[in-house]
């Protein structure tokens, strides 16, 4: 099974995935699965999902067919590495997770169709809490406003997911997802 988390930037996707891994030995984040041109954050060390690239390196990867899908989000490229998806689709004992934006989710549904089961989970959070979290994360006011404005686009896709959870209380959120994964 491959589990995709999407939601508004700052909604807690990576925190939720970390908590789920504490509960389930067979869940792992698909490491080094995303190329990006954005600057690294302190929290990026936790899941080791990103390969940080220059714009030129990323665009070369596009030309060379290294990405299954890619998007420009908030002025930075993000792309899913095809080689890592192939690896995850063949795993039987370990279920892999990663977070992607709503457009990437649709692309991954196509990729995994017929290869392995894929579950999509959308994480939402009220805007006032989202703003608080982004401030704590050290985002600039400009960045916060950009991320909040994209929230409308992302929320419009909630109906395409297998589960939608509002992450107000982390433990309740993780409990709900953990229970859902048992179905």
N, C-alpha and C. Protein backbone atom coordinates (compact mmCIF):
# COMPACT_ATOMS: atom_id res chain seq x y z
N UNK A 1 0.85 -1.17 0.00
CA UNK A 1 0.00 0.00 0.00
C UNK A 1 0.90 1.24 0.00
N UNK A 2 0.45 2.24 -0.73
CA UNK A 2 1.16 3.53 -0.76
C UNK A 2 0.17 4.57 -0.23
N UNK A 3 0.61 5.37 0.74
CA UNK A 3 -0.27 6.34 1.38
C UNK A 3 0.21 7.74 1.05
N UNK A 4 -0.69 8.52 0.48
CA UNK A 4 -0.37 9.90 0.10
C UNK A 4 -1.10 10.85 1.04
N UNK A 5 -0.34 11.79 1.58
CA UNK A 5 -0.90 12.86 2.40
C UNK A 5 -0.83 14.16 1.62
N UNK A 6 -1.95 14.85 1.56
CA UNK A 6 -1.99 16.18 0.96
C UNK A 6 -2.69 17.10 1.93
N UNK A 7 -2.52 18.38 1.71
CA UNK A 7 -3.19 19.37 2.53
C UNK A 7 -2.44 20.68 2.45
N UNK A 8 -3.00 21.64 3.09
CA UNK A 8 -2.44 22.99 3.07
C UNK A 8 -1.08 22.99 3.77
N UNK A 9 -0.14 23.74 3.23
CA UNK A 9 1.19 23.85 3.81
C UNK A 9 1.09 24.27 5.27
N UNK A 10 1.69 23.49 6.15
CA UNK A 10 1.66 23.80 7.58
C UNK A 10 0.57 23.07 8.34
N UNK A 11 -0.17 22.19 7.66
CA UNK A 11 -1.28 21.50 8.33
C UNK A 11 -0.81 20.34 9.20
N UNK A 12 0.45 19.93 9.09
CA UNK A 12 0.98 18.90 9.96
C UNK A 12 1.21 17.55 9.30
N UNK A 13 1.30 17.50 7.99
CA UNK A 13 1.45 16.22 7.29
C UNK A 13 2.66 15.42 7.78
N UNK A 14 3.81 16.05 7.84
CA UNK A 14 5.02 15.34 8.25
C UNK A 14 4.98 14.93 9.72
N UNK A 15 4.41 15.77 10.56
CA UNK A 15 4.26 15.42 11.98
C UNK A 15 3.36 14.19 12.12
N UNK A 16 2.28 14.16 11.37
CA UNK A 16 1.35 13.03 11.41
C UNK A 16 2.05 11.75 10.93
N UNK A 17 2.80 11.85 9.84
CA UNK A 17 3.50 10.66 9.33
C UNK A 17 4.50 10.14 10.37
N UNK A 18 5.20 11.05 11.03
CA UNK A 18 6.16 10.64 12.07
C UNK A 18 5.45 9.91 13.21
N UNK A 19 4.29 10.40 13.61
CA UNK A 19 3.54 9.76 14.68
C UNK A 19 3.02 8.39 14.25
N UNK A 20 2.58 8.27 13.01
CA UNK A 20 2.11 6.98 12.51
C UNK A 20 3.23 5.95 12.49
N UNK A 21 4.44 6.38 12.14
CA UNK A 21 5.58 5.45 12.11
C UNK A 21 5.93 4.95 13.51
N UNK A 22 5.65 5.75 14.53
CA UNK A 22 5.89 5.31 15.90
C UNK A 22 4.92 4.18 16.29
N UNK A 23 3.75 4.17 15.66
CA UNK A 23 2.72 3.18 15.99
C UNK A 23 2.80 1.92 15.14
N UNK A 24 3.34 2.04 13.94
CA UNK A 24 3.32 0.93 12.99
C UNK A 24 4.72 0.68 12.42
N UNK A 25 5.25 -0.47 12.70
CA UNK A 25 6.59 -0.81 12.21
C UNK A 25 6.65 -0.95 10.69
N UNK A 26 5.52 -1.25 10.06
CA UNK A 26 5.53 -1.48 8.62
C UNK A 26 5.26 -0.20 7.80
N UNK A 27 5.24 0.96 8.43
CA UNK A 27 5.06 2.23 7.72
C UNK A 27 6.37 2.99 7.68
N UNK A 28 6.71 3.48 6.51
CA UNK A 28 7.93 4.27 6.33
C UNK A 28 7.63 5.42 5.37
N UNK A 29 8.35 6.51 5.55
CA UNK A 29 8.29 7.61 4.59
C UNK A 29 9.20 7.21 3.43
N UNK A 30 8.75 7.42 2.22
CA UNK A 30 9.56 7.11 1.06
C UNK A 30 10.68 8.14 0.98
N UNK A 31 11.86 7.73 1.40
CA UNK A 31 13.00 8.65 1.49
C UNK A 31 13.53 9.04 0.12
N UNK A 32 14.10 10.24 0.09
CA UNK A 32 14.75 10.78 -1.10
C UNK A 32 13.87 10.61 -2.34
N UNK A 33 12.58 10.89 -2.17
CA UNK A 33 11.62 10.67 -3.25
C UNK A 33 11.20 11.95 -3.95
N UNK A 34 11.58 13.10 -3.40
CA UNK A 34 11.15 14.37 -3.96
C UNK A 34 12.36 15.25 -4.21
N UNK A 35 12.44 15.76 -5.42
CA UNK A 35 13.43 16.79 -5.72
C UNK A 35 12.78 18.14 -5.53
N UNK A 36 13.51 19.12 -5.02
CA UNK A 36 12.96 20.45 -4.85
C UNK A 36 14.07 21.50 -5.00
N UNK A 37 13.62 22.70 -5.38
CA UNK A 37 14.55 23.83 -5.47
C UNK A 37 14.41 24.77 -4.28
N UNK A 38 13.52 24.44 -3.34
CA UNK A 38 13.36 25.32 -2.18
C UNK A 38 14.52 25.13 -1.21
N UNK A 39 14.67 26.09 -0.31
CA UNK A 39 15.72 26.02 0.72
C UNK A 39 15.34 24.98 1.77
N UNK A 40 16.31 24.25 2.31
CA UNK A 40 16.01 23.26 3.36
C UNK A 40 15.52 23.94 4.64
N UNK A 41 14.62 23.25 5.35
CA UNK A 41 14.16 23.67 6.67
C UNK A 41 14.77 22.73 7.69
N UNK A 42 14.79 23.15 8.93
CA UNK A 42 15.31 22.31 10.01
C UNK A 42 14.56 20.97 10.07
N UNK A 43 13.24 21.02 9.86
CA UNK A 43 12.41 19.81 9.96
C UNK A 43 12.65 18.82 8.83
N UNK A 44 13.32 19.22 7.77
CA UNK A 44 13.56 18.33 6.63
C UNK A 44 14.46 17.16 7.00
N UNK A 45 15.22 17.29 8.05
CA UNK A 45 16.13 16.22 8.46
C UNK A 45 15.35 15.01 9.01
N UNK A 46 14.14 15.25 9.52
CA UNK A 46 13.35 14.18 10.14
C UNK A 46 13.04 13.04 9.18
N UNK A 47 12.50 13.37 8.00
CA UNK A 47 12.03 12.33 7.09
C UNK A 47 12.93 12.06 5.90
N UNK A 48 13.90 12.94 5.65
CA UNK A 48 14.86 12.70 4.59
C UNK A 48 14.17 12.43 3.24
N UNK A 49 13.12 13.18 2.92
CA UNK A 49 12.39 12.93 1.68
C UNK A 49 12.90 13.78 0.52
N UNK A 50 13.55 14.88 0.81
CA UNK A 50 13.92 15.81 -0.25
C UNK A 50 15.36 15.67 -0.71
N UNK A 51 15.53 15.82 -2.01
CA UNK A 51 16.84 16.03 -2.60
C UNK A 51 16.83 17.49 -3.03
N UNK A 52 17.68 18.30 -2.42
CA UNK A 52 17.71 19.73 -2.72
C UNK A 52 18.58 19.98 -3.93
N UNK A 53 18.01 20.70 -4.88
CA UNK A 53 18.65 20.90 -6.18
C UNK A 53 18.61 22.37 -6.56
N UNK A 54 19.51 22.75 -7.44
CA UNK A 54 19.41 24.08 -8.04
C UNK A 54 18.33 24.02 -9.12
N UNK A 55 17.89 25.17 -9.54
CA UNK A 55 16.90 25.22 -10.62
C UNK A 55 17.43 24.53 -11.87
N UNK A 56 18.71 24.74 -12.17
CA UNK A 56 19.32 24.14 -13.36
C UNK A 56 19.35 22.61 -13.25
N UNK A 57 19.70 22.09 -12.07
CA UNK A 57 19.73 20.64 -11.86
C UNK A 57 18.33 20.04 -12.02
N UNK A 58 17.35 20.73 -11.45
CA UNK A 58 15.98 20.25 -11.53
C UNK A 58 15.52 20.21 -12.98
N UNK A 59 15.75 21.29 -13.70
CA UNK A 59 15.31 21.36 -15.10
C UNK A 59 16.03 20.31 -15.96
N UNK A 60 17.27 19.99 -15.65
CA UNK A 60 17.98 18.91 -16.34
C UNK A 60 17.29 17.58 -16.05
N UNK A 61 16.86 17.38 -14.78
CA UNK A 61 16.13 16.17 -14.41
C UNK A 61 14.82 16.04 -15.17
N UNK A 62 14.16 17.16 -15.40
CA UNK A 62 12.92 17.16 -16.20
C UNK A 62 13.25 16.68 -17.61
N UNK A 63 14.27 17.29 -18.22
CA UNK A 63 14.66 16.92 -19.60
C UNK A 63 15.08 15.45 -19.70
N UNK A 64 15.73 14.94 -18.64
CA UNK A 64 16.23 13.57 -18.66
C UNK A 64 15.18 12.54 -18.24
N UNK A 65 13.94 12.99 -17.94
CA UNK A 65 12.87 12.06 -17.59
C UNK A 65 13.00 11.43 -16.21
N UNK A 66 13.65 12.11 -15.28
CA UNK A 66 13.84 11.55 -13.94
C UNK A 66 12.62 11.73 -13.03
N UNK A 67 11.70 12.62 -13.40
CA UNK A 67 10.54 12.89 -12.56
C UNK A 67 9.29 12.27 -13.16
N UNK A 68 8.50 11.64 -12.29
CA UNK A 68 7.20 11.15 -12.74
C UNK A 68 6.25 12.32 -12.92
N UNK A 69 6.30 13.24 -11.98
CA UNK A 69 5.49 14.46 -12.05
C UNK A 69 6.25 15.56 -11.35
N UNK A 70 5.94 16.80 -11.71
CA UNK A 70 6.56 17.94 -11.04
C UNK A 70 5.64 19.14 -11.16
N UNK A 71 5.80 20.06 -10.24
CA UNK A 71 5.02 21.29 -10.19
C UNK A 71 5.90 22.43 -9.70
N UNK A 72 5.50 23.63 -10.04
CA UNK A 72 6.10 24.81 -9.46
C UNK A 72 5.11 25.30 -8.42
N UNK A 73 5.49 25.20 -7.14
CA UNK A 73 4.61 25.57 -6.03
C UNK A 73 5.31 26.66 -5.22
N UNK A 74 4.65 27.78 -5.04
CA UNK A 74 5.19 28.89 -4.26
C UNK A 74 6.55 29.34 -4.80
N UNK A 75 6.74 29.24 -6.12
CA UNK A 75 7.97 29.71 -6.74
C UNK A 75 9.12 28.72 -6.72
N UNK A 76 8.87 27.50 -6.27
CA UNK A 76 9.91 26.47 -6.25
C UNK A 76 9.40 25.21 -6.95
N UNK A 77 10.31 24.51 -7.60
CA UNK A 77 9.97 23.23 -8.19
C UNK A 77 9.91 22.15 -7.12
N UNK A 78 8.95 21.23 -7.29
CA UNK A 78 8.86 20.00 -6.51
C UNK A 78 8.55 18.90 -7.51
N UNK A 79 9.24 17.78 -7.41
CA UNK A 79 8.97 16.69 -8.34
C UNK A 79 9.20 15.34 -7.71
N UNK A 80 8.40 14.36 -8.12
CA UNK A 80 8.49 12.99 -7.62
C UNK A 80 9.43 12.20 -8.51
N UNK A 81 10.43 11.60 -7.90
CA UNK A 81 11.42 10.84 -8.65
C UNK A 81 10.86 9.47 -9.05
N UNK A 82 10.86 9.22 -10.34
CA UNK A 82 10.29 8.00 -10.91
C UNK A 82 10.92 6.73 -10.33
N UNK A 83 12.21 6.72 -10.17
CA UNK A 83 12.93 5.55 -9.65
C UNK A 83 12.42 5.16 -8.26
N UNK A 84 12.14 6.14 -7.40
CA UNK A 84 11.68 5.85 -6.04
C UNK A 84 10.24 5.32 -6.04
N UNK A 85 9.41 5.81 -6.96
CA UNK A 85 8.04 5.29 -7.06
C UNK A 85 8.05 3.82 -7.49
N UNK A 86 8.90 3.50 -8.44
CA UNK A 86 9.02 2.11 -8.89
C UNK A 86 9.40 1.21 -7.72
N UNK A 87 10.35 1.68 -6.93
CA UNK A 87 10.79 0.93 -5.74
C UNK A 87 9.61 0.70 -4.78
N UNK A 88 8.86 1.76 -4.48
CA UNK A 88 7.75 1.66 -3.52
C UNK A 88 6.63 0.76 -4.04
N UNK A 89 6.39 0.77 -5.34
CA UNK A 89 5.29 -0.02 -5.90
C UNK A 89 5.55 -1.52 -5.79
N UNK A 90 6.80 -1.91 -5.61
CA UNK A 90 7.16 -3.33 -5.54
C UNK A 90 7.26 -3.86 -4.11
N UNK A 91 7.12 -2.98 -3.13
CA UNK A 91 7.25 -3.39 -1.74
C UNK A 91 5.98 -4.08 -1.26
N UNK A 92 6.16 -5.22 -0.62
CA UNK A 92 5.01 -5.96 -0.10
C UNK A 92 4.89 -5.89 1.41
N UNK A 93 6.01 -5.82 2.11
CA UNK A 93 5.97 -5.85 3.57
C UNK A 93 5.94 -4.47 4.20
N UNK A 94 6.48 -3.49 3.51
CA UNK A 94 6.51 -2.12 4.03
C UNK A 94 5.56 -1.27 3.21
N UNK A 95 4.76 -0.46 3.91
CA UNK A 95 3.87 0.48 3.25
C UNK A 95 4.54 1.85 3.31
N UNK A 96 4.64 2.48 2.16
CA UNK A 96 5.32 3.77 2.10
C UNK A 96 4.34 4.92 2.08
N UNK A 97 4.81 6.06 2.63
CA UNK A 97 4.00 7.28 2.69
C UNK A 97 4.84 8.43 2.14
N UNK A 98 4.12 9.43 1.65
CA UNK A 98 4.77 10.70 1.35
C UNK A 98 3.72 11.77 1.21
N UNK A 99 4.16 13.01 1.31
CA UNK A 99 3.20 14.10 1.14
C UNK A 99 3.43 14.75 -0.23
N UNK A 100 2.33 15.03 -0.88
CA UNK A 100 2.36 15.69 -2.19
C UNK A 100 1.22 16.70 -2.26
N UNK A 101 1.32 17.63 -3.18
CA UNK A 101 0.23 18.57 -3.36
C UNK A 101 -0.92 17.88 -4.11
N UNK A 102 -2.04 18.58 -4.25
CA UNK A 102 -3.24 17.96 -4.81
C UNK A 102 -3.06 17.55 -6.27
N UNK A 103 -2.26 18.27 -7.03
CA UNK A 103 -2.02 17.88 -8.42
C UNK A 103 -1.15 16.63 -8.48
N UNK A 104 -0.14 16.57 -7.61
CA UNK A 104 0.71 15.39 -7.55
C UNK A 104 -0.08 14.16 -7.14
N UNK A 105 -1.08 14.33 -6.28
CA UNK A 105 -1.92 13.21 -5.85
C UNK A 105 -2.60 12.57 -7.05
N UNK A 106 -3.16 13.39 -7.93
CA UNK A 106 -3.84 12.86 -9.11
C UNK A 106 -2.87 12.09 -10.00
N UNK A 107 -1.66 12.60 -10.15
CA UNK A 107 -0.65 11.91 -10.95
C UNK A 107 -0.27 10.57 -10.33
N UNK A 108 -0.13 10.55 -9.00
CA UNK A 108 0.25 9.31 -8.34
C UNK A 108 -0.85 8.25 -8.42
N UNK A 109 -2.10 8.69 -8.41
CA UNK A 109 -3.21 7.74 -8.57
C UNK A 109 -3.05 6.99 -9.89
N UNK A 110 -2.69 7.71 -10.93
CA UNK A 110 -2.48 7.08 -12.24
C UNK A 110 -1.29 6.13 -12.19
N UNK A 111 -0.21 6.56 -11.55
CA UNK A 111 0.99 5.75 -11.50
C UNK A 111 0.73 4.41 -10.80
N UNK A 112 0.07 4.44 -9.65
CA UNK A 112 -0.12 3.24 -8.84
C UNK A 112 -1.29 2.36 -9.29
N UNK A 113 -2.14 2.86 -10.17
CA UNK A 113 -3.28 2.07 -10.65
C UNK A 113 -2.78 0.74 -11.23
N UNK A 114 -3.26 -0.36 -10.67
CA UNK A 114 -2.87 -1.68 -11.14
C UNK A 114 -1.53 -2.17 -10.60
N UNK A 115 -0.77 -1.33 -9.90
CA UNK A 115 0.53 -1.74 -9.36
C UNK A 115 0.43 -2.10 -7.89
N UNK A 116 -0.21 -1.24 -7.12
CA UNK A 116 -0.43 -1.52 -5.70
C UNK A 116 -1.54 -0.58 -5.22
N UNK A 117 -2.11 -0.92 -4.07
CA UNK A 117 -3.18 -0.10 -3.50
C UNK A 117 -2.61 1.24 -3.07
N UNK A 118 -3.34 2.32 -3.39
CA UNK A 118 -2.95 3.65 -2.95
C UNK A 118 -4.10 4.27 -2.18
N UNK A 119 -3.78 4.91 -1.06
CA UNK A 119 -4.76 5.58 -0.22
C UNK A 119 -4.39 7.05 -0.16
N UNK A 120 -5.38 7.92 -0.36
CA UNK A 120 -5.16 9.36 -0.27
C UNK A 120 -5.82 9.93 0.97
N UNK A 121 -5.05 10.69 1.74
CA UNK A 121 -5.56 11.32 2.97
C UNK A 121 -5.31 12.81 2.87
N UNK A 122 -6.37 13.59 3.00
CA UNK A 122 -6.27 15.04 2.94
C UNK A 122 -6.34 15.59 4.36
N UNK A 123 -5.35 16.39 4.72
CA UNK A 123 -5.29 17.00 6.05
C UNK A 123 -5.66 18.47 5.92
N UNK A 124 -6.65 18.88 6.68
CA UNK A 124 -7.08 20.27 6.67
C UNK A 124 -6.86 20.86 8.07
N UNK A 125 -6.90 22.15 8.15
CA UNK A 125 -6.76 22.86 9.42
C UNK A 125 -7.38 24.24 9.23
N UNK A 126 -8.08 24.78 10.23
CA UNK A 126 -8.63 26.12 10.11
C UNK A 126 -7.52 27.16 9.85
N UNK A 127 -7.83 28.17 9.08
CA UNK A 127 -6.82 29.17 8.69
C UNK A 127 -6.13 29.83 9.88
N UNK A 128 -6.86 30.10 10.97
CA UNK A 128 -6.22 30.77 12.11
C UNK A 128 -5.14 29.89 12.74
N UNK A 129 -5.39 28.57 12.82
CA UNK A 129 -4.38 27.65 13.34
C UNK A 129 -3.22 27.50 12.35
N UNK A 130 -3.56 27.48 11.09
CA UNK A 130 -2.54 27.37 10.06
C UNK A 130 -1.57 28.55 10.13
N UNK A 131 -2.12 29.74 10.28
CA UNK A 131 -1.28 30.94 10.39
C UNK A 131 -0.34 30.81 11.60
N UNK A 132 -0.89 30.37 12.74
CA UNK A 132 -0.06 30.19 13.95
C UNK A 132 1.09 29.23 13.69
N UNK A 133 0.79 28.11 13.04
CA UNK A 133 1.81 27.10 12.79
C UNK A 133 2.89 27.61 11.84
N UNK A 134 2.47 28.35 10.83
CA UNK A 134 3.45 28.89 9.87
C UNK A 134 4.34 29.94 10.52
N UNK A 135 3.77 30.74 11.42
CA UNK A 135 4.57 31.72 12.16
C UNK A 135 5.60 30.99 13.02
N UNK A 136 5.16 29.94 13.74
CA UNK A 136 6.08 29.15 14.58
C UNK A 136 7.19 28.53 13.75
N UNK A 137 6.87 28.17 12.51
CA UNK A 137 7.84 27.55 11.62
C UNK A 137 8.84 28.56 11.07
N UNK A 138 8.56 29.84 11.30
CA UNK A 138 9.50 30.87 10.86
C UNK A 138 9.23 31.42 9.48
N UNK A 139 8.05 31.17 8.94
CA UNK A 139 7.70 31.67 7.60
C UNK A 139 7.52 33.19 7.65
N UNK A 140 7.87 33.85 6.56
CA UNK A 140 7.67 35.30 6.45
C UNK A 140 6.19 35.58 6.21
N UNK A 141 5.78 36.81 6.46
CA UNK A 141 4.38 37.20 6.23
C UNK A 141 3.99 36.99 4.77
N UNK A 142 4.90 37.31 3.87
CA UNK A 142 4.63 37.11 2.43
C UNK A 142 4.40 35.63 2.12
N UNK A 143 5.26 34.77 2.67
CA UNK A 143 5.14 33.34 2.46
C UNK A 143 3.84 32.81 3.07
N UNK A 144 3.50 33.27 4.26
CA UNK A 144 2.25 32.84 4.92
C UNK A 144 1.05 33.20 4.06
N UNK A 145 1.02 34.42 3.56
CA UNK A 145 -0.12 34.85 2.73
C UNK A 145 -0.21 34.04 1.44
N UNK A 146 0.94 33.72 0.85
CA UNK A 146 0.97 32.92 -0.38
C UNK A 146 0.40 31.53 -0.09
N UNK A 147 0.81 30.94 1.02
CA UNK A 147 0.36 29.59 1.37
C UNK A 147 -1.13 29.58 1.71
N UNK A 148 -1.58 30.59 2.44
CA UNK A 148 -3.01 30.66 2.77
C UNK A 148 -3.86 30.86 1.52
N UNK A 149 -3.38 31.63 0.58
CA UNK A 149 -4.16 31.86 -0.65
C UNK A 149 -4.27 30.59 -1.48
N UNK A 150 -3.28 29.73 -1.42
CA UNK A 150 -3.32 28.46 -2.16
C UNK A 150 -4.27 27.46 -1.49
N UNK A 151 -4.59 27.69 -0.22
CA UNK A 151 -5.47 26.79 0.51
C UNK A 151 -6.81 26.56 -0.15
N UNK A 152 -7.36 27.58 -0.78
CA UNK A 152 -8.65 27.44 -1.46
C UNK A 152 -8.57 26.43 -2.59
N UNK A 153 -7.51 26.50 -3.38
CA UNK A 153 -7.29 25.55 -4.47
C UNK A 153 -7.16 24.13 -3.92
N UNK A 154 -6.39 23.98 -2.87
CA UNK A 154 -6.17 22.66 -2.30
C UNK A 154 -7.45 22.09 -1.68
N UNK A 155 -8.18 22.92 -0.95
CA UNK A 155 -9.43 22.44 -0.32
C UNK A 155 -10.47 22.04 -1.36
N UNK A 156 -10.42 22.62 -2.52
CA UNK A 156 -11.38 22.28 -3.58
C UNK A 156 -11.22 20.83 -4.03
N UNK A 157 -10.09 20.21 -3.73
CA UNK A 157 -9.82 18.82 -4.14
C UNK A 157 -10.10 17.80 -3.05
N UNK A 158 -10.55 18.22 -1.88
CA UNK A 158 -10.74 17.31 -0.75
C UNK A 158 -11.61 16.10 -1.10
N UNK A 159 -12.60 16.30 -1.93
CA UNK A 159 -13.53 15.22 -2.27
C UNK A 159 -12.91 14.08 -3.06
N UNK A 160 -11.70 14.24 -3.54
CA UNK A 160 -11.03 13.20 -4.33
C UNK A 160 -10.24 12.23 -3.46
N UNK A 161 -10.20 12.48 -2.17
CA UNK A 161 -9.40 11.68 -1.24
C UNK A 161 -10.24 10.62 -0.55
N UNK A 162 -9.57 9.58 -0.08
CA UNK A 162 -10.26 8.50 0.62
C UNK A 162 -10.66 8.89 2.04
N UNK A 163 -9.89 9.81 2.63
CA UNK A 163 -10.17 10.27 3.99
C UNK A 163 -9.78 11.74 4.10
N UNK A 164 -10.64 12.52 4.74
CA UNK A 164 -10.35 13.93 5.03
C UNK A 164 -10.39 14.09 6.54
N UNK A 165 -9.32 14.66 7.10
CA UNK A 165 -9.22 14.83 8.54
C UNK A 165 -8.84 16.28 8.83
N UNK A 166 -9.52 16.88 9.82
CA UNK A 166 -9.14 18.22 10.26
C UNK A 166 -8.18 18.06 11.44
N UNK A 167 -6.97 18.54 11.26
CA UNK A 167 -5.91 18.36 12.26
C UNK A 167 -5.89 19.52 13.25
N UNK A 168 -6.77 19.44 14.22
CA UNK A 168 -6.79 20.41 15.31
C UNK A 168 -6.04 19.84 16.51
N UNK A 169 -6.30 18.57 16.80
CA UNK A 169 -5.64 17.87 17.89
C UNK A 169 -4.85 16.71 17.29
N UNK A 170 -3.53 16.76 17.41
CA UNK A 170 -2.66 15.78 16.75
C UNK A 170 -3.00 14.34 17.14
N UNK A 171 -3.18 14.07 18.41
CA UNK A 171 -3.47 12.69 18.83
C UNK A 171 -4.76 12.16 18.25
N UNK A 172 -5.80 12.98 18.23
CA UNK A 172 -7.08 12.56 17.65
C UNK A 172 -6.93 12.34 16.14
N UNK A 173 -6.17 13.20 15.49
CA UNK A 173 -5.95 13.06 14.05
C UNK A 173 -5.24 11.75 13.75
N UNK A 174 -4.17 11.46 14.48
CA UNK A 174 -3.40 10.24 14.26
C UNK A 174 -4.25 9.02 14.59
N UNK A 175 -5.05 9.09 15.66
CA UNK A 175 -5.95 7.98 16.00
C UNK A 175 -6.91 7.69 14.85
N UNK A 176 -7.49 8.73 14.29
CA UNK A 176 -8.47 8.57 13.21
C UNK A 176 -7.82 7.94 11.97
N UNK A 177 -6.63 8.40 11.63
CA UNK A 177 -5.94 7.85 10.45
C UNK A 177 -5.51 6.42 10.72
N UNK A 178 -4.99 6.15 11.90
CA UNK A 178 -4.56 4.80 12.27
C UNK A 178 -5.72 3.83 12.18
N UNK A 179 -6.87 4.23 12.68
CA UNK A 179 -8.07 3.39 12.62
C UNK A 179 -8.51 3.17 11.17
N UNK A 180 -8.46 4.22 10.37
CA UNK A 180 -8.83 4.13 8.95
C UNK A 180 -7.93 3.14 8.21
N UNK A 181 -6.66 3.15 8.52
CA UNK A 181 -5.71 2.25 7.83
C UNK A 181 -5.95 0.78 8.16
N UNK A 182 -6.66 0.52 9.27
CA UNK A 182 -6.99 -0.86 9.63
C UNK A 182 -8.15 -1.42 8.81
N UNK A 183 -8.89 -0.56 8.14
CA UNK A 183 -10.06 -1.05 7.38
C UNK A 183 -9.67 -1.88 6.20
